[in-house]
Each structure stands twice: as structure tokens, then as C-alpha cells.
PDB file of N, CA and C in Angstrom:
ATOM      1  N   UNK A   1      14.757 -20.149 -85.024  1.00  0.00           N
ATOM      2  CA  UNK A   1      13.688 -20.326 -85.950  1.00  0.00           C
ATOM      3  C   UNK A   1      14.006 -20.571 -87.588  1.00  0.00           C
ATOM      4  N   UNK A   2      13.196 -20.967 -87.894  1.00  0.00           N
ATOM      5  CA  UNK A   2      13.365 -21.829 -88.970  1.00  0.00           C
ATOM      6  C   UNK A   2      14.168 -21.453 -90.116  1.00  0.00           C
ATOM      7  N   UNK A   3      14.182 -20.056 -90.627  1.00  0.00           N
ATOM      8  CA  UNK A   3      15.648 -19.183 -91.318  1.00  0.00           C
ATOM      9  C   UNK A   3      16.762 -19.502 -90.727  1.00  0.00           C
ATOM     10  N   UNK A   4      16.970 -19.649 -89.780  1.00  0.00           N
ATOM     11  CA  UNK A   4      18.069 -19.822 -88.999  1.00  0.00           C
ATOM     12  C   UNK A   4      18.493 -21.277 -89.683  1.00  0.00           C
ATOM     13  N   UNK A   5      17.261 -21.819 -89.451  1.00  0.00           N
ATOM     14  CA  UNK A   5      18.048 -24.105 -90.152  1.00  0.00           C
ATOM     15  C   UNK A   5      18.145 -23.356 -91.467  1.00  0.00           C
ATOM     16  N   UNK A   6      17.084 -23.059 -92.124  1.00  0.00           N
ATOM     17  CA  UNK A   6      17.899 -22.719 -93.381  1.00  0.00           C
ATOM     18  C   UNK A   6      18.896 -22.262 -93.927  1.00  0.00           C
ATOM     19  N   UNK A   7      18.950 -20.957 -93.201  1.00  0.00           N
ATOM     20  CA  UNK A   7      20.605 -19.896 -93.894  1.00  0.00           C
ATOM     21  C   UNK A   7      21.285 -20.941 -93.911  1.00  0.00           C
ATOM     22  N   UNK A   8      21.779 -22.169 -92.265  1.00  0.00           N
ATOM     23  CA  UNK A   8      22.756 -22.703 -92.550  1.00  0.00           C
ATOM     24  C   UNK A   8      22.493 -23.809 -93.324  1.00  0.00           C
ATOM     25  N   UNK A   9      21.663 -24.302 -93.614  1.00  0.00           N
ATOM     26  CA  UNK A   9      21.637 -25.214 -94.704  1.00  0.00           C
ATOM     27  C   UNK A   9      21.835 -24.776 -96.343  1.00  0.00           C
ATOM     28  N   UNK A  10      21.062 -23.797 -96.379  1.00  0.00           N
ATOM     29  CA  UNK A  10      21.837 -23.355 -98.534  1.00  0.00           C
ATOM     30  C   UNK A  10      22.780 -22.418 -97.896  1.00  0.00           C
ATOM     31  N   UNK A  11      23.674 -23.004 -96.769  1.00  0.00           N
ATOM     32  CA  UNK A  11      24.952 -22.095 -97.021  1.00  0.00           C
ATOM     33  C   UNK A  11      26.007 -24.009 -97.481  1.00  0.00           C
ATOM     34  N   UNK A  12      25.111 -24.775 -97.647  1.00  0.00           N
ATOM     35  CA  UNK A  12      26.510 -25.768 -97.843  1.00  0.00           C
ATOM     36  C   UNK A  12      26.729 -25.700 -98.937  1.00  0.00           C
ATOM     37  N   UNK A  13      27.531 -26.537 -99.070  1.00  0.00           N
ATOM     38  CA  UNK A  13      27.912 -26.860-100.967  1.00  0.00           C
ATOM     39  C   UNK A  13      28.129 -27.896-101.033  1.00  0.00           C
ATOM     40  N   UNK A  14      28.446 -27.664-102.418  1.00  0.00           N
ATOM     41  CA  UNK A  14      29.038 -29.506-103.672  1.00  0.00           C
ATOM     42  C   UNK A  14      28.757 -30.626-102.892  1.00  0.00           C
ATOM     43  N   UNK A  15      29.398 -31.072-101.973  1.00  0.00           N
ATOM     44  CA  UNK A  15      29.770 -32.357-101.358  1.00  0.00           C
ATOM     45  C   UNK A  15      28.085 -32.772-100.574  1.00  0.00           C
ATOM     46  N   UNK A  16      27.658 -31.839-100.107  1.00  0.00           N
ATOM     47  CA  UNK A  16      25.956 -32.260 -99.607  1.00  0.00           C
ATOM     48  C   UNK A  16      25.618 -32.583-100.973  1.00  0.00           C
ATOM     49  N   UNK A  17      25.631 -32.739-102.320  1.00  0.00           N
ATOM     50  CA  UNK A  17      24.814 -33.066-103.464  1.00  0.00           C
ATOM     51  C   UNK A  17      24.971 -33.926-103.014  1.00  0.00           C
ATOM     52  N   UNK A  18      22.715 -34.532-103.723  1.00  0.00           N
ATOM     53  CA  UNK A  18      22.964 -36.277-103.851  1.00  0.00           C
ATOM     54  C   UNK A  18      22.453 -36.467-102.305  1.00  0.00           C
ATOM     55  N   UNK A  19      22.550 -35.988-101.244  1.00  0.00           N
ATOM     56  CA  UNK A  19      21.682 -36.327 -99.938  1.00  0.00           C
ATOM     57  C   UNK A  19      20.941 -36.634-100.124  1.00  0.00           C
ATOM     58  N   UNK A  20      20.392 -38.013 -99.612  1.00  0.00           N
ATOM     59  CA  UNK A  20      19.583 -38.750 -99.044  1.00  0.00           C
ATOM     60  C   UNK A  20      19.005 -38.874 -97.446  1.00  0.00           C
ATOM     61  N   UNK A  21      17.601 -39.196 -97.539  1.00  0.00           N
ATOM     62  CA  UNK A  21      16.586 -38.338 -95.989  1.00  0.00           C
ATOM     63  C   UNK A  21      16.246 -39.669 -96.194  1.00  0.00           C
ATOM     64  N   UNK A  22      16.403 -40.225 -95.012  1.00  0.00           N
ATOM     65  CA  UNK A  22      15.114 -41.722 -94.730  1.00  0.00           C
ATOM     66  C   UNK A  22      15.217 -41.687 -92.891  1.00  0.00           C
ATOM     67  N   UNK A  23      13.853 -41.977 -92.441  1.00  0.00           N
ATOM     68  CA  UNK A  23      12.997 -41.498 -90.967  1.00  0.00           C
ATOM     69  C   UNK A  23      13.982 -43.476 -90.415  1.00  0.00           C
ATOM     70  N   UNK A  24      14.260 -43.381 -89.079  1.00  0.00           N
ATOM     71  CA  UNK A  24      14.746 -44.197 -88.839  1.00  0.00           C
ATOM     72  C   UNK A  24      14.019 -44.500 -87.696  1.00  0.00           C
ATOM     73  N   UNK A  25      13.347 -45.653 -87.160  1.00  0.00           N
ATOM     74  CA  UNK A  25      12.658 -45.876 -86.284  1.00  0.00           C
ATOM     75  C   UNK A  25      13.089 -46.538 -85.738  1.00  0.00           C
ATOM     76  N   UNK A  26      12.894 -47.117 -84.307  1.00  0.00           N
ATOM     77  CA  UNK A  26      13.725 -47.194 -83.276  1.00  0.00           C
ATOM     78  C   UNK A  26      14.440 -46.415 -81.978  1.00  0.00           C
ATOM     79  N   UNK A  27      15.518 -47.090 -81.353  1.00  0.00           N
ATOM     80  CA  UNK A  27      16.786 -46.415 -80.976  1.00  0.00           C
ATOM     81  C   UNK A  27      15.482 -44.830 -79.585  1.00  0.00           C
ATOM     82  N   UNK A  28      14.228 -46.015 -79.216  1.00  0.00           N
ATOM     83  CA  UNK A  28      13.336 -44.691 -78.178  1.00  0.00           C
ATOM     84  C   UNK A  28      12.855 -43.577 -79.292  1.00  0.00           C
ATOM     85  N   UNK A  29      12.621 -43.768 -80.355  1.00  0.00           N
ATOM     86  CA  UNK A  29      12.210 -42.481 -81.801  1.00  0.00           C
ATOM     87  C   UNK A  29      10.720 -42.176 -81.562  1.00  0.00           C
ATOM     88  N   UNK A  30       9.772 -41.172 -81.402  1.00  0.00           N
ATOM     89  CA  UNK A  30       8.416 -41.154 -81.690  1.00  0.00           C
ATOM     90  C   UNK A  30       7.919 -40.543 -83.092  1.00  0.00           C
ATOM     91  N   UNK A  31       7.029 -40.014 -83.801  1.00  0.00           N
ATOM     92  CA  UNK A  31       6.675 -39.968 -84.961  1.00  0.00           C
ATOM     93  C   UNK A  31       6.962 -37.990 -84.652  1.00  0.00           C
ATOM     94  N   UNK A  32       7.328 -38.005 -85.670  1.00  0.00           N
ATOM     95  CA  UNK A  32       7.984 -36.207 -86.216  1.00  0.00           C
ATOM     96  C   UNK A  32       7.293 -35.580 -85.404  1.00  0.00           C
ATOM     97  N   UNK A  33       6.004 -35.541 -85.257  1.00  0.00           N
ATOM     98  CA  UNK A  33       4.752 -34.603 -85.451  1.00  0.00           C
ATOM     99  C   UNK A  33       5.080 -34.055 -83.760  1.00  0.00           C
ATOM    100  N   UNK A  34       5.466 -35.729 -82.977  1.00  0.00           N
ATOM    101  CA  UNK A  34       5.305 -35.146 -81.275  1.00  0.00           C
ATOM    102  C   UNK A  34       6.734 -34.713 -81.345  1.00  0.00           C
ATOM    103  N   UNK A  35       7.644 -34.486 -81.910  1.00  0.00           N
ATOM    104  CA  UNK A  35       8.721 -34.683 -81.346  1.00  0.00           C
ATOM    105  C   UNK A  35       9.036 -33.332 -81.020  1.00  0.00           C
ATOM    106  N   UNK A  36      10.391 -32.771 -79.987  1.00  0.00           N
ATOM    107  CA  UNK A  36      10.568 -32.003 -79.424  1.00  0.00           C
ATOM    108  C   UNK A  36      11.981 -31.480 -79.820  1.00  0.00           C
ATOM    109  N   UNK A  37      12.577 -33.077 -80.585  1.00  0.00           N
ATOM    110  CA  UNK A  37      14.090 -32.792 -81.240  1.00  0.00           C
ATOM    111  C   UNK A  37      14.033 -33.858 -81.755  1.00  0.00           C
ATOM    112  N   UNK A  38      14.863 -34.046 -82.449  1.00  0.00           N
ATOM    113  CA  UNK A  38      15.153 -34.522 -84.081  1.00  0.00           C
ATOM    114  C   UNK A  38      16.856 -34.673 -83.738  1.00  0.00           C
ATOM    115  N   UNK A  39      17.327 -35.383 -84.489  1.00  0.00           N
ATOM    116  CA  UNK A  39      18.613 -36.377 -84.244  1.00  0.00           C
ATOM    117  C   UNK A  39      18.823 -36.434 -86.143  1.00  0.00           C
ATOM    118  N   UNK A  40      19.410 -35.929 -86.874  1.00  0.00           N
ATOM    119  CA  UNK A  40      19.989 -36.636 -88.033  1.00  0.00           C
ATOM    120  C   UNK A  40      21.547 -37.184 -88.430  1.00  0.00           C
ATOM    121  N   UNK A  41      21.429 -37.884 -88.667  1.00  0.00           N
ATOM    122  CA  UNK A  41      23.017 -38.436 -89.310  1.00  0.00           C
ATOM    123  C   UNK A  41      23.359 -38.471 -90.084  1.00  0.00           C
ATOM    124  N   UNK A  42      24.596 -38.722 -90.617  1.00  0.00           N
ATOM    125  CA  UNK A  42      24.545 -39.703 -91.937  1.00  0.00           C
ATOM    126  C   UNK A  42      24.990 -40.531 -91.553  1.00  0.00           C
ATOM    127  N   UNK A  43      24.872 -41.644 -92.418  1.00  0.00           N
ATOM    128  CA  UNK A  43      25.468 -43.089 -91.678  1.00  0.00           C
ATOM    129  C   UNK A  43      25.934 -43.485 -93.137  1.00  0.00           C
ATOM    130  N   UNK A  44      27.205 -43.337 -93.746  1.00  0.00           N
ATOM    131  CA  UNK A  44      27.541 -43.686 -94.883  1.00  0.00           C
ATOM    132  C   UNK A  44      27.513 -42.436 -95.899  1.00  0.00           C
ATOM    133  N   UNK A  45      28.160 -42.361 -97.265  1.00  0.00           N
ATOM    134  CA  UNK A  45      27.944 -41.434 -98.045  1.00  0.00           C
ATOM    135  C   UNK A  45      26.845 -40.946 -98.513  1.00  0.00           C
ATOM    136  N   UNK A  46      26.349 -39.132 -97.742  1.00  0.00           N
ATOM    137  CA  UNK A  46      25.436 -39.179 -98.960  1.00  0.00           C
ATOM    138  C   UNK A  46      24.042 -39.755 -98.021  1.00  0.00           C
ATOM    139  N   UNK A  47      24.538 -40.500 -97.508  1.00  0.00           N
ATOM    140  CA  UNK A  47      23.036 -41.234 -97.063  1.00  0.00           C
ATOM    141  C   UNK A  47      22.514 -40.652 -95.233  1.00  0.00           C
ATOM    142  N   UNK A  48      21.967 -39.722 -94.976  1.00  0.00           N
ATOM    143  CA  UNK A  48      21.319 -39.379 -94.063  1.00  0.00           C
ATOM    144  C   UNK A  48      19.664 -39.873 -93.544  1.00  0.00           C
ATOM    145  N   UNK A  49      19.813 -39.711 -92.162  1.00  0.00           N
ATOM    146  CA  UNK A  49      18.727 -40.961 -91.087  1.00  0.00           C
ATOM    147  C   UNK A  49      18.384 -39.647 -90.390  1.00  0.00           C
ATOM    148  N   UNK A  50      17.204 -39.624 -89.846  1.00  0.00           N
ATOM    149  CA  UNK A  50      16.222 -38.731 -88.953  1.00  0.00           C
ATOM    150  C   UNK A  50      15.760 -39.666 -87.904  1.00  0.00           C
ATOM    151  N   UNK A  51      16.175 -39.100 -87.242  1.00  0.00           N
ATOM    152  CA  UNK A  51      15.519 -39.590 -85.134  1.00  0.00           C
ATOM    153  C   UNK A  51      15.083 -38.866 -84.778  1.00  0.00           C
ATOM    154  N   UNK A  52      13.326 -39.381 -84.350  1.00  0.00           N
ATOM    155  CA  UNK A  52      12.664 -37.772 -83.411  1.00  0.00           C
ATOM    156  C   UNK A  52      12.212 -38.185 -81.916  1.00  0.00           C
ATOM    157  N   UNK A  53      12.902 -37.437 -81.462  1.00  0.00           N
ATOM    158  CA  UNK A  53      12.022 -37.670 -79.418  1.00  0.00           C
ATOM    159  C   UNK A  53      12.140 -36.583 -79.448  1.00  0.00           C
ATOM    160  N   UNK A  54      10.862 -37.367 -77.787  1.00  0.00           N
ATOM    161  CA  UNK A  54       9.658 -36.837 -77.188  1.00  0.00           C
ATOM    162  C   UNK A  54      10.788 -35.777 -76.855  1.00  0.00           C
ATOM    163  N   UNK A  55      11.637 -36.037 -75.763  1.00  0.00           N
ATOM    164  CA  UNK A  55      12.357 -34.813 -75.416  1.00  0.00           C
ATOM    165  C   UNK A  55      13.538 -35.084 -75.412  1.00  0.00           C
ATOM    166  N   UNK A  56      14.225 -33.891 -75.092  1.00  0.00           N
ATOM    167  CA  UNK A  56      15.929 -33.962 -75.247  1.00  0.00           C
ATOM    168  C   UNK A  56      16.756 -35.011 -74.749  1.00  0.00           C
ATOM    169  N   UNK A  57      16.244 -35.164 -73.230  1.00  0.00           N
ATOM    170  CA  UNK A  57      16.852 -36.162 -72.508  1.00  0.00           C
ATOM    171  C   UNK A  57      16.820 -37.260 -73.137  1.00  0.00           C
ATOM    172  N   UNK A  58      16.025 -37.765 -73.938  1.00  0.00           N
ATOM    173  CA  UNK A  58      16.081 -39.111 -74.850  1.00  0.00           C
ATOM    174  C   UNK A  58      16.721 -38.961 -75.941  1.00  0.00           C
ATOM    175  N   UNK A  59      16.936 -37.703 -76.662  1.00  0.00           N
ATOM    176  CA  UNK A  59      18.041 -37.826 -77.550  1.00  0.00           C
ATOM    177  C   UNK A  59      19.380 -37.485 -76.953  1.00  0.00           C
ATOM    178  N   UNK A  60      19.345 -36.948 -75.589  1.00  0.00           N
ATOM    179  CA  UNK A  60      20.505 -37.070 -75.751  1.00  0.00           C
ATOM    180  C   UNK A  60      21.637 -38.470 -75.349  1.00  0.00           C
ATOM    181  N   UNK A  61      20.291 -39.271 -74.817  1.00  0.00           N
ATOM    182  CA  UNK A  61      20.678 -40.786 -74.479  1.00  0.00           C
ATOM    183  C   UNK A  61      21.563 -41.285 -75.933  1.00  0.00           C
ATOM    184  N   UNK A  62      20.380 -41.177 -76.631  1.00  0.00           N
ATOM    185  CA  UNK A  62      21.082 -41.794 -77.518  1.00  0.00           C
ATOM    186  C   UNK A  62      22.463 -40.709 -78.512  1.00  0.00           C
ATOM    187  N   UNK A  63      22.507 -39.799 -77.947  1.00  0.00           N
ATOM    188  CA  UNK A  63      23.352 -38.315 -78.933  1.00  0.00           C
ATOM    189  C   UNK A  63      24.856 -38.523 -78.625  1.00  0.00           C
ATOM    190  N   UNK A  64      24.516 -39.519 -77.360  1.00  0.00           N
ATOM    191  CA  UNK A  64      25.580 -39.112 -76.438  1.00  0.00           C
ATOM    192  C   UNK A  64      26.781 -40.035 -75.843  1.00  0.00           C
ATOM    193  N   UNK A  65      25.874 -41.992 -76.493  1.00  0.00           N
ATOM    194  CA  UNK A  65      26.388 -43.425 -76.398  1.00  0.00           C
ATOM    195  C   UNK A  65      27.336 -43.460 -77.372  1.00  0.00           C
ATOM    196  N   UNK A  66      28.085 -44.605 -76.524  1.00  0.00           N
ATOM    197  CA  UNK A  66      29.415 -44.993 -77.347  1.00  0.00           C
ATOM    198  C   UNK A  66      28.805 -45.539 -78.406  1.00  0.00           C
ATOM    199  N   UNK A  67      27.924 -46.639 -78.621  1.00  0.00           N
ATOM    200  CA  UNK A  67      27.810 -46.414 -80.507  1.00  0.00           C
ATOM    201  C   UNK A  67      27.630 -45.497 -81.685  1.00  0.00           C
ATOM    202  N   UNK A  68      26.998 -43.980 -81.027  1.00  0.00           N
ATOM    203  CA  UNK A  68      26.798 -43.538 -81.759  1.00  0.00           C
ATOM    204  C   UNK A  68      28.697 -41.931 -81.755  1.00  0.00           C
ATOM    205  N   UNK A  69      29.026 -42.801 -81.134  1.00  0.00           N
ATOM    206  CA  UNK A  69      30.150 -41.703 -80.926  1.00  0.00           C
ATOM    207  C   UNK A  69      31.118 -41.145 -82.484  1.00  0.00           C
ATOM    208  N   UNK A  70      31.142 -42.061 -83.124  1.00  0.00           N
ATOM    209  CA  UNK A  70      32.269 -41.841 -84.863  1.00  0.00           C
ATOM    210  C   UNK A  70      30.774 -41.535 -86.385  1.00  0.00           C
ATOM    211  N   UNK A  71      29.339 -41.284 -85.506  1.00  0.00           N
ATOM    212  CA  UNK A  71      28.572 -41.140 -86.104  1.00  0.00           C
ATOM    213  C   UNK A  71      28.495 -39.835 -86.378  1.00  0.00           C
ATOM    214  N   UNK A  72      28.986 -39.138 -87.602  1.00  0.00           N
ATOM    215  CA  UNK A  72      28.255 -37.976 -87.632  1.00  0.00           C
ATOM    216  C   UNK A  72      27.060 -37.308 -87.074  1.00  0.00           C
ATOM    217  N   UNK A  73      26.034 -36.561 -86.801  1.00  0.00           N
ATOM    218  CA  UNK A  73      25.120 -36.275 -86.377  1.00  0.00           C
ATOM    219  C   UNK A  73      25.059 -34.593 -85.615  1.00  0.00           C
ATOM    220  N   UNK A  74      23.477 -34.556 -86.066  1.00  0.00           N
ATOM    221  CA  UNK A  74      23.862 -33.745 -85.711  1.00  0.00           C
ATOM    222  C   UNK A  74      21.839 -32.952 -84.932  1.00  0.00           C
ATOM    223  N   UNK A  75      21.585 -32.234 -83.747  1.00  0.00           N
ATOM    224  CA  UNK A  75      20.734 -32.799 -83.129  1.00  0.00           C
ATOM    225  C   UNK A  75      19.716 -31.059 -83.026  1.00  0.00           C
ATOM    226  N   UNK A  76      18.983 -31.117 -83.920  1.00  0.00           N
ATOM    227  CA  UNK A  76      17.759 -29.939 -83.746  1.00  0.00           C
ATOM    228  C   UNK A  76      16.776 -29.114 -82.534  1.00  0.00           C
ATOM    229  N   UNK A  77      16.562 -28.620 -82.644  1.00  0.00           N
ATOM    230  CA  UNK A  77      15.154 -28.496 -81.765  1.00  0.00           C
ATOM    231  C   UNK A  77      13.600 -28.252 -82.742  1.00  0.00           C
ATOM    232  N   UNK A  78      12.614 -29.326 -82.693  1.00  0.00           N
ATOM    233  CA  UNK A  78      11.556 -29.419 -83.874  1.00  0.00           C
ATOM    234  C   UNK A  78      10.528 -29.080 -82.495  1.00  0.00           C
ATOM    235  N   UNK A  79       9.428 -28.320 -83.590  1.00  0.00           N
ATOM    236  CA  UNK A  79       7.904 -28.021 -83.330  1.00  0.00           C
ATOM    237  C   UNK A  79       7.236 -28.271 -84.424  1.00  0.00           C
ATOM    238  N   UNK A  80       5.849 -28.562 -83.938  1.00  0.00           N
ATOM    239  CA  UNK A  80       5.109 -29.388 -84.849  1.00  0.00           C
ATOM    240  C   UNK A  80       5.176 -29.522 -86.193  1.00  0.00           C
ATOM    241  N   UNK A  81       6.425 -31.003 -86.097  1.00  0.00           N
ATOM    242  CA  UNK A  81       6.966 -31.452 -86.761  1.00  0.00           C
ATOM    243  C   UNK A  81       7.637 -30.772 -87.631  1.00  0.00           C
ATOM    244  N   UNK A  82       8.558 -29.772 -87.525  1.00  0.00           N
ATOM    245  CA  UNK A  82       9.125 -29.092 -88.463  1.00  0.00           C
ATOM    246  C   UNK A  82      10.383 -28.456 -87.248  1.00  0.00           C
ATOM    247  N   UNK A  83      11.679 -28.676 -88.313  1.00  0.00           N
ATOM    248  CA  UNK A  83      13.075 -28.576 -87.424  1.00  0.00           C
ATOM    249  C   UNK A  83      13.353 -27.109 -87.385  1.00  0.00           C
ATOM    250  N   UNK A  84      13.535 -26.050 -86.215  1.00  0.00           N
ATOM    251  CA  UNK A  84      13.371 -24.550 -85.393  1.00  0.00           C
ATOM    252  C   UNK A  84      14.721 -24.216 -85.780  1.00  0.00           C
ATOM    253  N   UNK A  85      15.737 -25.235 -84.732  1.00  0.00           N
ATOM    254  CA  UNK A  85      16.494 -24.465 -84.938  1.00  0.00           C
ATOM    255  C   UNK A  85      17.898 -26.049 -84.126  1.00  0.00           C
ATOM    256  N   UNK A  86      19.492 -24.942 -84.526  1.00  0.00           N
ATOM    257  CA  UNK A  86      20.398 -26.575 -84.365  1.00  0.00           C
ATOM    258  C   UNK A  86      20.847 -26.065 -82.623  1.00  0.00           C
ATOM    259  N   UNK A  87      20.795 -27.519 -82.475  1.00  0.00           N
ATOM    260  CA  UNK A  87      21.034 -27.570 -80.896  1.00  0.00           C
ATOM    261  C   UNK A  87      23.085 -27.728 -80.646  1.00  0.00           C
ATOM    262  N   UNK A  88      23.050 -29.132 -80.886  1.00  0.00           N
ATOM    263  CA  UNK A  88      24.586 -29.368 -81.110  1.00  0.00           C
ATOM    264  C   UNK A  88      24.665 -30.292 -82.044  1.00  0.00           C
ATOM    265  N   UNK A  89      26.384 -30.681 -82.083  1.00  0.00           N
ATOM    266  CA  UNK A  89      26.993 -31.709 -83.003  1.00  0.00           C
ATOM    267  C   UNK A  89      27.389 -32.797 -82.024  1.00  0.00           C
ATOM    268  N   UNK A  90      27.900 -33.759 -83.249  1.00  0.00           N
ATOM    269  CA  UNK A  90      28.930 -34.935 -82.587  1.00  0.00           C
ATOM    270  C   UNK A  90      29.390 -35.537 -83.980  1.00  0.00           C
ATOM    271  N   UNK A  91      30.656 -35.921 -83.685  1.00  0.00           N
ATOM    272  CA  UNK A  91      31.128 -36.763 -84.435  1.00  0.00           C
ATOM    273  C   UNK A  91      31.991 -36.631 -85.201  1.00  0.00           C
ATOM    274  N   UNK A  92      31.786 -36.813 -86.281  1.00  0.00           N
ATOM    275  CA  UNK A  92      33.083 -36.059 -87.964  1.00  0.00           C
ATOM    276  C   UNK A  92      32.332 -34.972 -88.197  1.00  0.00           C
ATOM    277  N   UNK A  93      33.408 -33.897 -87.694  1.00  0.00           N
ATOM    278  CA  UNK A  93      32.556 -32.478 -88.747  1.00  0.00           C
ATOM    279  C   UNK A  93      32.317 -32.481 -89.863  1.00  0.00           C
ATOM    280  N   UNK A  94      33.346 -33.800 -90.616  1.00  0.00           N
ATOM    281  CA  UNK A  94      33.238 -32.683 -92.074  1.00  0.00           C
ATOM    282  C   UNK A  94      31.706 -33.657 -93.270  1.00  0.00           C
ATOM    283  N   UNK A  95      30.720 -33.818 -91.872  1.00  0.00           N
ATOM    284  CA  UNK A  95      29.862 -34.427 -92.895  1.00  0.00           C
ATOM    285  C   UNK A  95      28.420 -32.961 -92.552  1.00  0.00           C
ATOM    286  N   UNK A  96      28.899 -32.129 -91.760  1.00  0.00           N
ATOM    287  CA  UNK A  96      27.914 -31.506 -91.184  1.00  0.00           C
ATOM    288  C   UNK A  96      27.300 -30.730 -92.825  1.00  0.00           C
ATOM    289  N   UNK A  97      28.114 -30.419 -93.194  1.00  0.00           N
ATOM    290  CA  UNK A  97      27.216 -29.446 -94.545  1.00  0.00           C
ATOM    291  C   UNK A  97      26.658 -30.513 -94.871  1.00  0.00           C
ATOM    292  N   UNK A  98      26.902 -32.097 -95.113  1.00  0.00           N
ATOM    293  CA  UNK A  98      25.523 -32.964 -95.521  1.00  0.00           C
ATOM    294  C   UNK A  98      24.153 -32.993 -95.064  1.00  0.00           C
ATOM    295  N   UNK A  99      24.818 -33.200 -93.837  1.00  0.00           N
ATOM    296  CA  UNK A  99      23.711 -32.527 -93.074  1.00  0.00           C
ATOM    297  C   UNK A  99      22.501 -31.971 -92.825  1.00  0.00           C
ATOM    298  N   UNK A 100      23.247 -30.653 -92.800  1.00  0.00           N
ATOM    299  CA  UNK A 100      22.604 -29.257 -92.705  1.00  0.00           C
ATOM    300  C   UNK A 100      21.287 -29.857 -94.359  1.00  0.00           C
ATOM    301  N   UNK A 101      22.114 -29.771 -95.393  1.00  0.00           N
ATOM    302  CA  UNK A 101      21.139 -29.857 -96.282  1.00  0.00           C
ATOM    303  C   UNK A 101      20.305 -30.926 -95.911  1.00  0.00           C
ATOM    304  N   UNK A 102      20.870 -32.339 -96.331  1.00  0.00           N
ATOM    305  CA  UNK A 102      19.667 -33.322 -95.918  1.00  0.00           C
ATOM    306  C   UNK A 102      18.176 -33.046 -94.729  1.00  0.00           C
ATOM    307  N   UNK A 103      18.692 -31.909 -93.636  1.00  0.00           N
ATOM    308  CA  UNK A 103      17.916 -32.065 -92.728  1.00  0.00           C
ATOM    309  C   UNK A 103      16.731 -30.259 -92.993  1.00  0.00           C
ATOM    310  N   UNK A 104      17.011 -29.439 -93.973  1.00  0.00           N
ATOM    311  CA  UNK A 104      16.391 -28.539 -94.636  1.00  0.00           C
ATOM    312  C   UNK A 104      15.024 -29.183 -95.305  1.00  0.00           C
ATOM    313  N   UNK A 105      14.785 -30.516 -96.031  1.00  0.00           N
ATOM    314  CA  UNK A 105      13.390 -31.234 -96.465  1.00  0.00           C
ATOM    315  C   UNK A 105      12.835 -31.082 -94.847  1.00  0.00           C
ATOM    316  N   UNK A 106      13.031 -30.709 -93.420  1.00  0.00           N
ATOM    317  CA  UNK A 106      12.547 -31.493 -92.484  1.00  0.00           C
ATOM    318  C   UNK A 106      12.489 -29.781 -91.473  1.00  0.00           C
ATOM    319  N   UNK A 107      12.815 -28.873 -92.270  1.00  0.00           N
ATOM    320  CA  UNK A 107      12.376 -27.398 -91.527  1.00  0.00           C
ATOM    321  C   UNK A 107      11.395 -27.060 -92.873  1.00  0.00           C
ATOM    322  N   UNK A 108      10.934 -27.699 -93.980  1.00  0.00           N
ATOM    323  CA  UNK A 108      10.376 -26.743 -94.969  1.00  0.00           C
ATOM    324  C   UNK A 108       9.033 -27.570 -94.771  1.00  0.00           C
ATOM    325  N   UNK A 109       9.133 -29.520 -94.604  1.00  0.00           N
ATOM    326  CA  UNK A 109       8.001 -29.916 -95.030  1.00  0.00           C
ATOM    327  C   UNK A 109       7.711 -30.858 -93.469  1.00  0.00           C
ATOM    328  N   UNK A 110       5.847 -30.370 -93.502  1.00  0.00           N
ATOM    329  CA  UNK A 110       5.460 -31.418 -92.565  1.00  0.00           C
ATOM    330  C   UNK A 110       5.354 -32.569 -92.416  1.00  0.00           C
ATOM    331  N   UNK A 111       5.862 -33.291 -90.405  1.00  0.00           N
ATOM    332  CA  UNK A 111       5.545 -34.469 -90.643  1.00  0.00           C
ATOM    333  C   UNK A 111       3.690 -34.804 -91.204  1.00  0.00           C
ATOM    334  N   UNK A 112       4.444 -35.895 -91.534  1.00  0.00           N
ATOM    335  CA  UNK A 112       2.740 -37.006 -92.259  1.00  0.00           C
ATOM    336  C   UNK A 112       2.931 -36.787 -93.840  1.00  0.00           C
ATOM    337  N   UNK A 113       3.781 -35.802 -94.215  1.00  0.00           N
ATOM    338  CA  UNK A 113       4.472 -36.191 -95.831  1.00  0.00           C
ATOM    339  C   UNK A 113       5.239 -37.211 -96.188  1.00  0.00           C
ATOM    340  N   UNK A 114       5.285 -37.968 -97.506  1.00  0.00           N
ATOM    341  CA  UNK A 114       5.869 -38.835 -97.672  1.00  0.00           C
ATOM    342  C   UNK A 114       6.741 -38.542 -97.149  1.00  0.00           C
ATOM    343  N   UNK A 115       7.657 -40.240 -96.234  1.00  0.00           N
ATOM    344  CA  UNK A 115       8.902 -40.118 -95.823  1.00  0.00           C
ATOM    345  C   UNK A 115       9.191 -39.319 -94.706  1.00  0.00           C
ATOM    346  N   UNK A 116       8.182 -38.977 -94.070  1.00  0.00           N
ATOM    347  CA  UNK A 116       8.199 -38.311 -93.075  1.00  0.00           C
ATOM    348  C   UNK A 116       7.797 -38.821 -91.423  1.00  0.00           C
TER     349      UNK A 116
END
């Protein structure tokens, strides 16, 4: 439920302040309104990106790829362009609070708004 994502995110503390969030195209992605799964990454301190996928199988291929092995990332279930629940995590765990804070925007803002 959205409340679960929001409560997870609201528990994030100071290290996550100032996180930015931008969409990334490519890597088999689709528009967020069509996505069933979204992966949010931190690629550099406070620089978060999200990748939207039609299916979890599509997302799993990238999530589990060697090139993403050291990238901190969290996969979320998505419906109607909004993040619903956390599915799994990967990479370095110290960035998870920052990722969760950045992901809050995707749990609250429908796709189609600026930067979505």
C-alpha cells in the first residue's frame, strides 16, 4: 500500500536530505504510467534515478545484471504510475534511506507531472 512506502520513506533521516530524482530512459524502460515495477537507484551521492518497467521479469533482468551489481537500488511495485510497495533491494545498503526518500515523490505524484 502507498502508506507502506510513505511510512518507510518518512523514517529516513538526515543523510537523505537533498536527494534529487530524475527519470532514466533506455535499459528496456517504459513510461511510468504503463509500469508495473519501478527501480530507483542512487548513482552518486544524493543523485537518484528511476527506471520504469512493464513487467517484473523485465526489471529483474536489469536489477540482477552484472553492470548494476554495485549500484544501490530498490525495486517497487507500481500501479497507475504510483509506487505501491517495496519488493527487493540490491547493491550497497547505505544508500537505501536516500533512495526511499527520493521514491516518496513517486508514491505521491502521478506520472505525467514534470520530471515523471
